[in-house]
C-alpha atoms as a PDB file:
ATOM      1  CA  UNK A   1     132.723  88.521  80.738  1.00  0.00           C
ATOM      2  CA  UNK A   2     134.378  90.938  82.918  1.00  0.00           C
ATOM      3  CA  UNK A   3     136.238  92.457  80.082  1.00  0.00           C
ATOM      4  CA  UNK A   4     137.876  96.057  80.736  1.00  0.00           C
ATOM      5  CA  UNK A   5     137.644  98.564  77.770  1.00  0.00           C
ATOM      6  CA  UNK A   6     140.241 101.418  77.423  1.00  0.00           C
ATOM      7  CA  UNK A   7     138.692 104.597  76.417  1.00  0.00           C
ATOM      8  CA  UNK A   8     140.542 105.806  73.321  1.00  0.00           C
ATOM      9  CA  UNK A   9     140.282 109.330  71.895  1.00  0.00           C
ATOM     10  CA  UNK A  10     140.399 110.612  68.148  1.00  0.00           C
ATOM     11  CA  UNK A  11     143.403 110.369  66.778  1.00  0.00           C
ATOM     12  CA  UNK A  12     145.271 108.448  69.366  1.00  0.00           C
ATOM     13  CA  UNK A  13     147.907 105.630  68.335  1.00  0.00           C
ATOM     14  CA  UNK A  14     147.222 102.125  69.331  1.00  0.00           C
ATOM     15  CA  UNK A  15     149.212  98.917  69.688  1.00  0.00           C
ATOM     16  CA  UNK A  16     147.214  96.684  67.511  1.00  0.00           C
ATOM     17  CA  UNK A  17     149.872  93.553  67.853  1.00  0.00           C
ATOM     18  CA  UNK A  18     147.669  91.373  69.816  1.00  0.00           C
ATOM     19  CA  UNK A  19     144.453  92.217  68.208  1.00  0.00           C
ATOM     20  CA  UNK A  20     141.476  93.598  70.280  1.00  0.00           C
ATOM     21  CA  UNK A  21     137.816  93.855  71.124  1.00  0.00           C
ATOM     22  CA  UNK A  22     136.438  97.078  69.801  1.00  0.00           C
ATOM     23  CA  UNK A  23     133.219  98.523  71.322  1.00  0.00           C
ATOM     24  CA  UNK A  24     131.050 101.285  70.098  1.00  0.00           C
ATOM     25  CA  UNK A  25     130.419 103.959  72.889  1.00  0.00           C
ATOM     26  CA  UNK A  26     127.098 104.747  71.677  1.00  0.00           C
ATOM     27  CA  UNK A  27     125.304 101.437  70.839  1.00  0.00           C
ATOM     28  CA  UNK A  28     127.607  98.886  72.372  1.00  0.00           C
ATOM     29  CA  UNK A  29     128.085  96.871  69.308  1.00  0.00           C
ATOM     30  CA  UNK A  30     131.447  94.837  69.952  1.00  0.00           C
ATOM     31  CA  UNK A  31     133.840  93.383  67.024  1.00  0.00           C
ATOM     32  CA  UNK A  32     136.603  91.243  67.360  1.00  0.00           C
ATOM     33  CA  UNK A  33     139.627  92.649  65.353  1.00  0.00           C
ATOM     34  CA  UNK A  34     142.651  91.077  63.565  1.00  0.00           C
ATOM     35  CA  UNK A  35     145.426  92.185  61.983  1.00  0.00           C
ATOM     36  CA  UNK A  36     148.023  90.750  59.744  1.00  0.00           C
ATOM     37  CA  UNK A  37     150.950  91.623  57.285  1.00  0.00           C
ATOM     38  CA  UNK A  38     150.939  90.261  53.869  1.00  0.00           C
ATOM     39  CA  UNK A  39     153.470  91.115  51.071  1.00  0.00           C
ATOM     40  CA  UNK A  40     154.165  94.644  53.084  1.00  0.00           C
ATOM     41  CA  UNK A  41     150.472  95.372  53.469  1.00  0.00           C
ATOM     42  CA  UNK A  42     148.647  95.683  56.781  1.00  0.00           C
ATOM     43  CA  UNK A  43     145.379  93.756  56.782  1.00  0.00           C
ATOM     44  CA  UNK A  44     142.328  94.159  59.291  1.00  0.00           C
ATOM     45  CA  UNK A  45     139.305  91.908  59.813  1.00  0.00           C
ATOM     46  CA  UNK A  46     136.721  92.165  62.192  1.00  0.00           C
ATOM     47  CA  UNK A  47     133.997  89.934  63.407  1.00  0.00           C
ATOM     48  CA  UNK A  48     130.976  90.876  65.361  1.00  0.00           C
ATOM     49  CA  UNK A  49     130.972  89.345  69.029  1.00  0.00           C
ATOM     50  CA  UNK A  50     127.331  88.894  69.615  1.00  0.00           C
ATOM     51  CA  UNK A  51     127.889  87.575  73.085  1.00  0.00           C
ATOM     52  CA  UNK A  52     129.856  90.247  74.298  1.00  0.00           C
ATOM     53  CA  UNK A  53     127.698  92.915  72.679  1.00  0.00           C
ATOM     54  CA  UNK A  54     124.472  91.453  74.448  1.00  0.00           C
ATOM     55  CA  UNK A  55     126.493  91.524  77.893  1.00  0.00           C
ATOM     56  CA  UNK A  56     127.864  95.109  77.256  1.00  0.00           C
ATOM     57  CA  UNK A  57     124.358  96.461  76.334  1.00  0.00           C
ATOM     58  CA  UNK A  58     122.724  94.866  79.414  1.00  0.00           C
ATOM     59  CA  UNK A  59     125.389  95.721  82.104  1.00  0.00           C
ATOM     60  CA  UNK A  60     126.725  98.965  80.744  1.00  0.00           C
ATOM     61  CA  UNK A  61     123.356 100.690  80.028  1.00  0.00           C
ATOM     62  CA  UNK A  62     124.156 101.359  76.531  1.00  0.00           C
ATOM     63  CA  UNK A  63     121.202 101.892  74.172  1.00  0.00           C
ATOM     64  CA  UNK A  64     120.974  99.705  70.895  1.00  0.00           C
ATOM     65  CA  UNK A  65     119.825 102.615  68.957  1.00  0.00           C
ATOM     66  CA  UNK A  66     121.227 104.618  66.045  1.00  0.00           C
ATOM     67  CA  UNK A  67     119.194 107.834  66.572  1.00  0.00           C
ATOM     68  CA  UNK A  68     122.039 109.568  67.991  1.00  0.00           C
ATOM     69  CA  UNK A  69     124.016 109.144  64.559  1.00  0.00           C
ATOM     70  CA  UNK A  70     121.223 111.091  62.638  1.00  0.00           C
END
């Protein structure tokens, strides 16, 4: 599970042609995202990656809390 995450910043453009794993900096929740184009519209779907989330929370000292969001 040694996946490297790239730190992104607000407003930064990101190439999404190959999909990506998206991890929250605060709580460590990871989503696997996919994109598709249908009839000229860009579609996005995301799935929770429970295994990667558990690994990230354990290894990266990320707290599974929403307290910081309040």
